[in-house]
Amino acid sequence: MKPESEHHLVLTALTSDRPGIVDEIARAASETRCNISDSRMIVMGSEFALTMMVSGSWDSIAKFEAQLPVLAKRLDLQVLSKRTEKRQLQKPAMPYSVHVIALDNPGIVHEIANFFASQTINIEAMETSTYSAPHTGSPMFALAMTVNIPGEIHIASLRETFMIFCDDRNLDAIIEPHKA
C-alpha cells in the first residue's frame, strides 16, 4: 500500500480483564483488512487497557470504525477512537532510557515529567509501578521511560543536572542511551 493511500486510526479500550479480548479486536482488524501497526496492552487491577493504532485504506479504516460500537457492546468495552496521521520525522534527537526507583510518594511522576518538559525534551513512552520492598515491605516506586533528547542539548550536562535533581529528591536513577 502506498503511503499516501494509507490511513490511520488510534483507539483506546477499557474493560474488565478476561481471556479473548485481544483476539476479538485483532479479528475485527483482520476481517476489515486493517493492520495493527502499534499497540500497548496491560492489566491494571482487574481492568484490561489497550491502546492500538491500525492502518489501512480509507475504506478498511471506515469498516473497522463501524465495527467498534458492535465490539464495544459485545465485549463491554469503553472505546475512544480518533483518526490520525503517520508521525512525521522530528528534528534530530537521540533516544535515551530513564529508570528511577524510590520510596513511593505522591508527585514523583509530576516532578520527573516537569524536569524533562522544562528542558524541552519529549517523553515518548513511560511505565510506572509500585511494589513492596523485599525485606522491609516499604512501598516502592519504579519508573521506566524513553525520552528523545534534541541534538542541540549537551548530553553530559543534562545527565549531570538530572542526577543532581534526582539526588535532591532521594531518587535512584539512571539515564543512558536507549537500547532497542
N, C-alpha and C. Protein backbone atom coordinates (compact mmCIF):
# COMPACT_ATOMS: atom_id res chain seq x y z
N MET A 1 0.85 -1.18 0.00
CA MET A 1 0.00 0.00 0.00
C MET A 1 0.89 1.23 0.00
N LYS A 2 0.60 2.18 -0.87
CA LYS A 2 1.38 3.40 -0.95
C LYS A 2 1.08 4.26 0.27
N PRO A 3 2.10 4.97 0.80
CA PRO A 3 1.90 5.79 2.00
C PRO A 3 0.76 6.80 1.87
N GLU A 4 0.57 7.40 0.67
CA GLU A 4 -0.49 8.40 0.54
C GLU A 4 -1.89 7.79 0.62
N SER A 5 -2.00 6.48 0.38
CA SER A 5 -3.32 5.84 0.46
C SER A 5 -3.52 5.13 1.81
N GLU A 6 -2.53 5.23 2.69
CA GLU A 6 -2.63 4.60 4.00
C GLU A 6 -3.25 5.58 5.00
N HIS A 7 -4.24 5.11 5.71
CA HIS A 7 -4.92 5.91 6.72
C HIS A 7 -4.69 5.24 8.08
N HIS A 8 -4.86 6.02 9.15
CA HIS A 8 -4.55 5.53 10.48
C HIS A 8 -5.65 5.89 11.47
N LEU A 9 -5.88 4.99 12.41
CA LEU A 9 -6.86 5.19 13.47
C LEU A 9 -6.23 4.72 14.78
N VAL A 10 -6.30 5.57 15.80
CA VAL A 10 -5.84 5.20 17.13
C VAL A 10 -7.08 4.93 17.96
N LEU A 11 -7.04 3.84 18.74
CA LEU A 11 -8.17 3.56 19.62
C LEU A 11 -7.65 3.16 20.99
N THR A 12 -8.43 3.49 21.99
CA THR A 12 -8.17 3.01 23.34
C THR A 12 -9.41 2.27 23.79
N ALA A 13 -9.21 1.22 24.56
CA ALA A 13 -10.33 0.42 25.04
C ALA A 13 -10.05 0.02 26.48
N LEU A 14 -11.11 -0.04 27.27
CA LEU A 14 -11.00 -0.42 28.67
C LEU A 14 -12.16 -1.33 29.02
N THR A 15 -11.86 -2.43 29.71
CA THR A 15 -12.90 -3.36 30.13
C THR A 15 -12.37 -4.23 31.27
N SER A 16 -13.24 -5.00 31.87
CA SER A 16 -12.80 -5.97 32.88
C SER A 16 -11.93 -7.02 32.20
N ASP A 17 -10.85 -7.42 32.86
CA ASP A 17 -9.92 -8.37 32.25
C ASP A 17 -10.53 -9.76 32.17
N ARG A 18 -10.31 -10.39 31.02
CA ARG A 18 -10.72 -11.77 30.79
C ARG A 18 -10.06 -12.23 29.49
N PRO A 19 -9.92 -13.52 29.28
CA PRO A 19 -9.30 -14.02 28.05
C PRO A 19 -10.14 -13.69 26.81
N GLY A 20 -9.47 -13.48 25.68
CA GLY A 20 -10.16 -13.34 24.40
C GLY A 20 -10.36 -11.92 23.90
N ILE A 21 -10.08 -10.92 24.70
CA ILE A 21 -10.33 -9.53 24.27
C ILE A 21 -9.44 -9.17 23.09
N VAL A 22 -8.14 -9.44 23.22
CA VAL A 22 -7.20 -9.12 22.14
C VAL A 22 -7.57 -9.88 20.88
N ASP A 23 -7.93 -11.14 21.03
CA ASP A 23 -8.34 -11.96 19.89
C ASP A 23 -9.50 -11.31 19.14
N GLU A 24 -10.52 -10.88 19.85
CA GLU A 24 -11.71 -10.29 19.21
C GLU A 24 -11.38 -8.99 18.48
N ILE A 25 -10.57 -8.13 19.11
CA ILE A 25 -10.23 -6.85 18.48
C ILE A 25 -9.31 -7.10 17.28
N ALA A 26 -8.34 -8.00 17.43
CA ALA A 26 -7.45 -8.32 16.32
C ALA A 26 -8.21 -8.96 15.17
N ARG A 27 -9.20 -9.80 15.48
CA ARG A 27 -10.03 -10.41 14.43
C ARG A 27 -10.77 -9.32 13.65
N ALA A 28 -11.36 -8.36 14.36
CA ALA A 28 -12.09 -7.28 13.68
C ALA A 28 -11.15 -6.50 12.76
N ALA A 29 -9.93 -6.24 13.23
CA ALA A 29 -8.96 -5.53 12.39
C ALA A 29 -8.63 -6.36 11.15
N SER A 30 -8.38 -7.63 11.36
CA SER A 30 -8.02 -8.52 10.25
C SER A 30 -9.17 -8.65 9.24
N GLU A 31 -10.38 -8.84 9.73
CA GLU A 31 -11.54 -9.01 8.85
C GLU A 31 -11.84 -7.76 8.03
N THR A 32 -11.46 -6.60 8.53
CA THR A 32 -11.69 -5.35 7.79
C THR A 32 -10.44 -4.94 7.00
N ARG A 33 -9.45 -5.84 6.95
CA ARG A 33 -8.21 -5.65 6.20
C ARG A 33 -7.38 -4.48 6.73
N CYS A 34 -7.41 -4.29 8.05
CA CYS A 34 -6.56 -3.29 8.71
C CYS A 34 -5.36 -4.00 9.32
N ASN A 35 -4.27 -3.27 9.39
CA ASN A 35 -3.05 -3.78 10.01
C ASN A 35 -2.87 -3.12 11.38
N ILE A 36 -2.56 -3.91 12.39
CA ILE A 36 -2.24 -3.35 13.70
C ILE A 36 -0.79 -2.91 13.64
N SER A 37 -0.57 -1.59 13.53
CA SER A 37 0.79 -1.10 13.36
C SER A 37 1.50 -0.81 14.66
N ASP A 38 0.76 -0.60 15.74
CA ASP A 38 1.38 -0.31 17.03
C ASP A 38 0.34 -0.63 18.10
N SER A 39 0.78 -1.17 19.23
CA SER A 39 -0.19 -1.44 20.30
C SER A 39 0.50 -1.56 21.64
N ARG A 40 -0.23 -1.24 22.68
CA ARG A 40 0.19 -1.41 24.06
C ARG A 40 -1.01 -1.97 24.80
N MET A 41 -0.79 -3.00 25.58
CA MET A 41 -1.87 -3.62 26.34
C MET A 41 -1.36 -3.94 27.73
N ILE A 42 -2.25 -3.78 28.73
CA ILE A 42 -1.83 -4.04 30.10
C ILE A 42 -3.05 -4.33 30.97
N VAL A 43 -2.85 -5.12 32.00
CA VAL A 43 -3.88 -5.34 33.01
C VAL A 43 -3.49 -4.48 34.21
N MET A 44 -4.42 -3.65 34.66
CA MET A 44 -4.21 -2.80 35.84
C MET A 44 -5.35 -3.08 36.79
N GLY A 45 -5.00 -3.57 37.98
CA GLY A 45 -6.05 -4.01 38.89
C GLY A 45 -6.79 -5.14 38.20
N SER A 46 -8.10 -5.04 38.12
CA SER A 46 -8.87 -6.08 37.42
C SER A 46 -9.34 -5.59 36.04
N GLU A 47 -8.76 -4.49 35.56
CA GLU A 47 -9.14 -3.92 34.27
C GLU A 47 -8.08 -4.17 33.21
N PHE A 48 -8.54 -4.37 31.98
CA PHE A 48 -7.67 -4.53 30.82
C PHE A 48 -7.72 -3.24 30.03
N ALA A 49 -6.55 -2.69 29.70
CA ALA A 49 -6.47 -1.45 28.93
C ALA A 49 -5.66 -1.70 27.66
N LEU A 50 -6.11 -1.11 26.57
CA LEU A 50 -5.49 -1.29 25.27
C LEU A 50 -5.40 0.05 24.57
N THR A 51 -4.25 0.32 23.97
CA THR A 51 -4.09 1.43 23.04
C THR A 51 -3.51 0.82 21.79
N MET A 52 -4.11 1.15 20.65
CA MET A 52 -3.72 0.49 19.40
C MET A 52 -3.84 1.48 18.24
N MET A 53 -2.92 1.37 17.29
CA MET A 53 -3.06 2.12 16.04
C MET A 53 -3.20 1.10 14.93
N VAL A 54 -4.25 1.26 14.12
CA VAL A 54 -4.44 0.41 12.95
C VAL A 54 -4.25 1.27 11.72
N SER A 55 -3.80 0.62 10.65
CA SER A 55 -3.62 1.33 9.39
C SER A 55 -4.27 0.52 8.28
N GLY A 56 -4.61 1.22 7.21
CA GLY A 56 -5.22 0.57 6.06
C GLY A 56 -5.75 1.60 5.09
N SER A 57 -6.41 1.12 4.06
CA SER A 57 -7.03 2.04 3.10
C SER A 57 -8.17 2.78 3.80
N TRP A 58 -8.66 3.85 3.19
CA TRP A 58 -9.71 4.64 3.84
C TRP A 58 -10.95 3.79 4.09
N ASP A 59 -11.30 2.89 3.15
CA ASP A 59 -12.50 2.07 3.34
C ASP A 59 -12.28 0.98 4.39
N SER A 60 -11.05 0.46 4.51
CA SER A 60 -10.76 -0.52 5.56
C SER A 60 -10.89 0.13 6.94
N ILE A 61 -10.34 1.32 7.06
CA ILE A 61 -10.43 2.04 8.35
C ILE A 61 -11.90 2.36 8.66
N ALA A 62 -12.65 2.79 7.65
CA ALA A 62 -14.08 3.09 7.86
C ALA A 62 -14.84 1.84 8.31
N LYS A 63 -14.53 0.69 7.71
CA LYS A 63 -15.20 -0.56 8.11
C LYS A 63 -14.83 -0.94 9.54
N PHE A 64 -13.56 -0.76 9.90
CA PHE A 64 -13.13 -1.07 11.26
C PHE A 64 -13.82 -0.13 12.25
N GLU A 65 -13.88 1.17 11.92
CA GLU A 65 -14.57 2.13 12.78
C GLU A 65 -16.03 1.73 12.99
N ALA A 66 -16.67 1.25 11.92
CA ALA A 66 -18.08 0.84 12.01
C ALA A 66 -18.24 -0.37 12.92
N GLN A 67 -17.20 -1.20 13.05
CA GLN A 67 -17.26 -2.37 13.92
C GLN A 67 -17.07 -2.03 15.41
N LEU A 68 -16.50 -0.86 15.70
CA LEU A 68 -16.19 -0.53 17.08
C LEU A 68 -17.40 -0.52 18.01
N PRO A 69 -18.55 0.07 17.61
CA PRO A 69 -19.71 0.02 18.51
C PRO A 69 -20.20 -1.42 18.76
N VAL A 70 -20.11 -2.27 17.74
CA VAL A 70 -20.50 -3.67 17.89
C VAL A 70 -19.56 -4.37 18.87
N LEU A 71 -18.25 -4.16 18.69
CA LEU A 71 -17.27 -4.73 19.60
C LEU A 71 -17.47 -4.21 21.02
N ALA A 72 -17.71 -2.92 21.13
CA ALA A 72 -17.89 -2.31 22.45
C ALA A 72 -19.05 -2.95 23.20
N LYS A 73 -20.15 -3.15 22.49
CA LYS A 73 -21.32 -3.75 23.13
C LYS A 73 -21.06 -5.23 23.48
N ARG A 74 -20.52 -5.97 22.52
CA ARG A 74 -20.30 -7.40 22.73
C ARG A 74 -19.27 -7.68 23.83
N LEU A 75 -18.22 -6.86 23.90
CA LEU A 75 -17.13 -7.10 24.86
C LEU A 75 -17.22 -6.21 26.10
N ASP A 76 -18.29 -5.41 26.20
CA ASP A 76 -18.45 -4.47 27.31
C ASP A 76 -17.22 -3.56 27.42
N LEU A 77 -16.84 -2.98 26.28
CA LEU A 77 -15.68 -2.09 26.20
C LEU A 77 -16.09 -0.63 26.29
N GLN A 78 -15.27 0.16 26.91
CA GLN A 78 -15.35 1.61 26.75
C GLN A 78 -14.31 1.94 25.69
N VAL A 79 -14.73 2.51 24.58
CA VAL A 79 -13.83 2.74 23.45
C VAL A 79 -13.80 4.21 23.07
N LEU A 80 -12.62 4.68 22.77
CA LEU A 80 -12.41 6.02 22.25
C LEU A 80 -11.51 5.86 21.03
N SER A 81 -11.88 6.48 19.92
CA SER A 81 -11.04 6.36 18.72
C SER A 81 -10.90 7.71 18.05
N LYS A 82 -9.81 7.84 17.30
CA LYS A 82 -9.54 9.09 16.59
C LYS A 82 -8.68 8.79 15.38
N ARG A 83 -9.03 9.40 14.25
CA ARG A 83 -8.20 9.31 13.05
C ARG A 83 -6.93 10.10 13.30
N THR A 84 -5.83 9.62 12.73
CA THR A 84 -4.55 10.29 12.92
C THR A 84 -3.72 10.18 11.66
N GLU A 85 -2.60 10.83 11.66
CA GLU A 85 -1.65 10.79 10.55
C GLU A 85 -0.42 10.02 11.01
N LYS A 86 0.30 9.45 10.07
CA LYS A 86 1.57 8.82 10.40
C LYS A 86 2.49 9.91 10.94
N ARG A 87 3.23 9.58 11.97
CA ARG A 87 4.09 10.56 12.60
C ARG A 87 5.17 11.04 11.64
N GLN A 88 5.31 12.35 11.56
CA GLN A 88 6.33 12.94 10.70
C GLN A 88 7.68 12.88 11.41
N LEU A 89 8.75 12.86 10.62
CA LEU A 89 10.09 12.88 11.20
C LEU A 89 10.26 14.14 12.03
N GLN A 90 10.78 13.96 13.22
CA GLN A 90 11.04 15.08 14.11
C GLN A 90 12.45 15.60 13.85
N LYS A 91 12.79 16.72 14.49
CA LYS A 91 14.16 17.20 14.37
C LYS A 91 15.09 16.16 14.99
N PRO A 92 16.36 16.15 14.60
CA PRO A 92 17.28 15.12 15.10
C PRO A 92 17.28 15.05 16.63
N ALA A 93 17.14 13.83 17.13
CA ALA A 93 17.13 13.61 18.57
C ALA A 93 17.67 12.22 18.86
N MET A 94 18.18 12.05 20.06
CA MET A 94 18.73 10.76 20.49
C MET A 94 17.79 10.15 21.52
N PRO A 95 17.36 8.90 21.31
CA PRO A 95 16.51 8.26 22.33
C PRO A 95 17.36 7.81 23.53
N TYR A 96 16.88 8.15 24.71
CA TYR A 96 17.53 7.76 25.96
C TYR A 96 16.52 7.07 26.86
N SER A 97 17.01 6.10 27.64
CA SER A 97 16.18 5.41 28.63
C SER A 97 16.44 6.03 30.00
N VAL A 98 15.37 6.20 30.74
CA VAL A 98 15.45 6.73 32.10
C VAL A 98 14.79 5.71 33.02
N HIS A 99 15.49 5.34 34.08
CA HIS A 99 14.95 4.41 35.07
C HIS A 99 15.09 5.06 36.44
N VAL A 100 14.01 5.02 37.22
CA VAL A 100 14.01 5.62 38.55
C VAL A 100 13.39 4.63 39.53
N ILE A 101 14.01 4.48 40.69
CA ILE A 101 13.49 3.68 41.80
C ILE A 101 13.53 4.58 43.03
N ALA A 102 12.48 4.54 43.83
CA ALA A 102 12.45 5.36 45.04
C ALA A 102 11.38 4.84 45.99
N LEU A 103 11.42 5.32 47.22
CA LEU A 103 10.29 5.10 48.11
C LEU A 103 9.10 5.80 47.47
N ASP A 104 7.96 5.16 47.49
CA ASP A 104 6.78 5.74 46.83
C ASP A 104 6.26 6.92 47.62
N ASN A 105 5.96 7.98 46.90
CA ASN A 105 5.25 9.12 47.47
C ASN A 105 4.62 9.92 46.35
N PRO A 106 3.53 10.61 46.64
CA PRO A 106 2.83 11.36 45.58
C PRO A 106 3.73 12.43 44.96
N GLY A 107 3.58 12.61 43.66
CA GLY A 107 4.26 13.70 42.97
C GLY A 107 5.52 13.33 42.21
N ILE A 108 6.00 12.10 42.34
CA ILE A 108 7.25 11.74 41.66
C ILE A 108 7.10 11.86 40.14
N VAL A 109 6.03 11.33 39.59
CA VAL A 109 5.83 11.38 38.13
C VAL A 109 5.76 12.82 37.66
N HIS A 110 5.01 13.64 38.39
CA HIS A 110 4.90 15.06 38.01
C HIS A 110 6.27 15.73 38.02
N GLU A 111 7.06 15.51 39.06
CA GLU A 111 8.36 16.17 39.15
C GLU A 111 9.29 15.74 38.01
N ILE A 112 9.30 14.44 37.70
CA ILE A 112 10.16 13.95 36.62
C ILE A 112 9.67 14.47 35.27
N ALA A 113 8.37 14.41 35.04
CA ALA A 113 7.81 14.92 33.77
C ALA A 113 8.10 16.41 33.64
N ASN A 114 7.99 17.15 34.74
CA ASN A 114 8.26 18.58 34.71
C ASN A 114 9.73 18.86 34.41
N PHE A 115 10.62 18.04 34.96
CA PHE A 115 12.05 18.21 34.67
C PHE A 115 12.29 18.14 33.16
N PHE A 116 11.78 17.09 32.52
CA PHE A 116 12.02 16.92 31.09
C PHE A 116 11.29 17.97 30.26
N ALA A 117 10.07 18.34 30.65
CA ALA A 117 9.34 19.38 29.92
C ALA A 117 10.09 20.71 29.99
N SER A 118 10.66 21.02 31.15
CA SER A 118 11.39 22.28 31.30
C SER A 118 12.66 22.30 30.45
N GLN A 119 13.15 21.13 30.06
CA GLN A 119 14.33 21.02 29.19
C GLN A 119 13.93 20.90 27.71
N THR A 120 12.62 20.99 27.43
CA THR A 120 12.06 20.81 26.08
C THR A 120 12.42 19.44 25.52
N ILE A 121 12.29 18.41 26.37
CA ILE A 121 12.56 17.03 25.98
C ILE A 121 11.25 16.27 26.01
N ASN A 122 10.93 15.60 24.91
CA ASN A 122 9.68 14.88 24.77
C ASN A 122 9.77 13.48 25.39
N ILE A 123 8.76 13.12 26.17
CA ILE A 123 8.64 11.77 26.71
C ILE A 123 7.91 10.94 25.66
N GLU A 124 8.57 9.90 25.16
CA GLU A 124 7.99 9.06 24.12
C GLU A 124 7.18 7.90 24.69
N ALA A 125 7.63 7.35 25.81
CA ALA A 125 6.95 6.22 26.44
C ALA A 125 7.29 6.23 27.93
N MET A 126 6.33 5.76 28.74
CA MET A 126 6.58 5.72 30.17
C MET A 126 5.75 4.62 30.81
N GLU A 127 6.36 3.91 31.74
CA GLU A 127 5.67 2.91 32.56
C GLU A 127 6.05 3.17 34.00
N THR A 128 5.07 3.09 34.88
CA THR A 128 5.35 3.20 36.31
C THR A 128 4.67 2.04 37.03
N SER A 129 5.21 1.70 38.19
CA SER A 129 4.58 0.68 39.01
C SER A 129 4.99 0.89 40.45
N THR A 130 4.25 0.26 41.34
CA THR A 130 4.58 0.27 42.76
C THR A 130 4.68 -1.17 43.23
N TYR A 131 5.47 -1.38 44.25
CA TYR A 131 5.65 -2.72 44.80
C TYR A 131 6.16 -2.58 46.23
N SER A 132 6.19 -3.67 46.96
CA SER A 132 6.72 -3.69 48.32
C SER A 132 8.17 -4.14 48.28
N ALA A 133 9.03 -3.41 49.02
CA ALA A 133 10.44 -3.79 49.10
C ALA A 133 10.55 -5.18 49.72
N PRO A 134 11.46 -6.02 49.20
CA PRO A 134 11.52 -7.42 49.63
C PRO A 134 11.63 -7.66 51.14
N HIS A 135 12.54 -7.02 51.85
CA HIS A 135 12.75 -7.35 53.26
C HIS A 135 11.98 -6.46 54.21
N THR A 136 11.75 -5.20 53.81
CA THR A 136 11.11 -4.26 54.73
C THR A 136 9.63 -4.08 54.47
N GLY A 137 9.19 -4.39 53.25
CA GLY A 137 7.79 -4.17 52.91
C GLY A 137 7.47 -2.72 52.61
N SER A 138 8.50 -1.85 52.58
CA SER A 138 8.29 -0.43 52.30
C SER A 138 7.68 -0.26 50.91
N PRO A 139 6.77 0.70 50.75
CA PRO A 139 6.17 0.94 49.42
C PRO A 139 7.20 1.59 48.49
N MET A 140 7.45 0.93 47.37
CA MET A 140 8.45 1.39 46.41
C MET A 140 7.78 1.82 45.10
N PHE A 141 8.47 2.68 44.38
CA PHE A 141 8.01 3.23 43.11
C PHE A 141 9.08 2.94 42.06
N ALA A 142 8.66 2.52 40.87
CA ALA A 142 9.59 2.29 39.76
C ALA A 142 9.05 2.99 38.51
N LEU A 143 9.94 3.63 37.77
CA LEU A 143 9.58 4.33 36.54
C LEU A 143 10.58 3.94 35.46
N ALA A 144 10.08 3.65 34.27
CA ALA A 144 10.92 3.42 33.09
C ALA A 144 10.33 4.26 31.97
N MET A 145 11.16 5.06 31.36
CA MET A 145 10.66 5.89 30.27
C MET A 145 11.71 6.03 29.18
N THR A 146 11.22 6.40 28.01
CA THR A 146 12.08 6.72 26.88
C THR A 146 11.84 8.18 26.55
N VAL A 147 12.92 8.93 26.44
CA VAL A 147 12.84 10.35 26.08
C VAL A 147 13.65 10.57 24.82
N ASN A 148 13.27 11.58 24.04
CA ASN A 148 14.04 11.96 22.86
C ASN A 148 14.77 13.26 23.17
N ILE A 149 16.08 13.18 23.25
CA ILE A 149 16.89 14.35 23.59
C ILE A 149 17.32 15.04 22.31
N PRO A 150 16.88 16.29 22.11
CA PRO A 150 17.24 17.03 20.90
C PRO A 150 18.77 17.12 20.73
N GLY A 151 19.21 17.12 19.48
CA GLY A 151 20.64 17.12 19.16
C GLY A 151 21.40 18.30 19.73
N GLU A 152 20.73 19.43 19.94
CA GLU A 152 21.45 20.61 20.42
C GLU A 152 21.68 20.59 21.94
N ILE A 153 21.11 19.62 22.65
CA ILE A 153 21.30 19.54 24.10
C ILE A 153 22.58 18.77 24.40
N HIS A 154 23.41 19.33 25.24
CA HIS A 154 24.67 18.70 25.65
C HIS A 154 24.33 17.58 26.64
N ILE A 155 24.53 16.34 26.21
CA ILE A 155 24.10 15.17 26.98
C ILE A 155 24.77 15.10 28.36
N ALA A 156 26.06 15.32 28.43
CA ALA A 156 26.76 15.22 29.72
C ALA A 156 26.20 16.23 30.72
N SER A 157 25.93 17.44 30.27
CA SER A 157 25.36 18.47 31.16
C SER A 157 23.96 18.09 31.60
N LEU A 158 23.15 17.57 30.67
CA LEU A 158 21.80 17.14 31.01
C LEU A 158 21.85 16.01 32.03
N ARG A 159 22.71 15.03 31.80
CA ARG A 159 22.84 13.90 32.71
C ARG A 159 23.22 14.39 34.11
N GLU A 160 24.18 15.30 34.19
CA GLU A 160 24.61 15.83 35.49
C GLU A 160 23.47 16.57 36.18
N THR A 161 22.75 17.40 35.45
CA THR A 161 21.62 18.14 36.01
C THR A 161 20.52 17.20 36.49
N PHE A 162 20.25 16.16 35.69
CA PHE A 162 19.22 15.18 36.07
C PHE A 162 19.63 14.41 37.32
N MET A 163 20.90 14.01 37.41
CA MET A 163 21.35 13.26 38.57
C MET A 163 21.29 14.11 39.85
N ILE A 164 21.63 15.39 39.74
CA ILE A 164 21.50 16.31 40.89
C ILE A 164 20.04 16.43 41.27
N PHE A 165 19.17 16.62 40.28
CA PHE A 165 17.72 16.69 40.50
C PHE A 165 17.25 15.44 41.27
N CYS A 166 17.68 14.27 40.84
CA CYS A 166 17.27 13.01 41.49
C CYS A 166 17.86 12.88 42.89
N ASP A 167 19.13 13.22 43.05
CA ASP A 167 19.75 13.16 44.37
C ASP A 167 19.03 14.07 45.37
N ASP A 168 18.63 15.25 44.93
CA ASP A 168 17.90 16.19 45.80
C ASP A 168 16.57 15.62 46.27
N ARG A 169 16.00 14.68 45.51
CA ARG A 169 14.70 14.10 45.83
C ARG A 169 14.81 12.66 46.34
N ASN A 170 16.03 12.21 46.55
CA ASN A 170 16.29 10.85 47.02
C ASN A 170 15.75 9.79 46.05
N LEU A 171 15.94 10.04 44.75
CA LEU A 171 15.54 9.11 43.70
C LEU A 171 16.79 8.42 43.17
N ASP A 172 16.76 7.13 43.08
CA ASP A 172 17.86 6.37 42.48
C ASP A 172 17.57 6.30 40.99
N ALA A 173 18.45 6.87 40.15
CA ALA A 173 18.12 7.00 38.73
C ALA A 173 19.29 6.66 37.82
N ILE A 174 18.95 6.28 36.61
CA ILE A 174 19.91 6.05 35.53
C ILE A 174 19.33 6.69 34.28
N ILE A 175 20.19 7.38 33.52
CA ILE A 175 19.81 7.87 32.20
C ILE A 175 20.92 7.43 31.25
N GLU A 176 20.55 6.66 30.22
CA GLU A 176 21.53 6.07 29.32
C GLU A 176 20.94 5.95 27.92
N PRO A 177 21.80 5.80 26.91
CA PRO A 177 21.27 5.63 25.54
C PRO A 177 20.29 4.47 25.48
N HIS A 178 19.21 4.67 24.76
CA HIS A 178 18.17 3.65 24.62
C HIS A 178 18.68 2.49 23.78
N LYS A 179 18.46 1.29 24.29
CA LYS A 179 18.84 0.08 23.56
C LYS A 179 17.56 -0.57 23.06
N ALA A 180 17.43 -0.68 21.75
CA ALA A 180 16.21 -1.23 21.16
C ALA A 180 16.01 -2.68 21.50
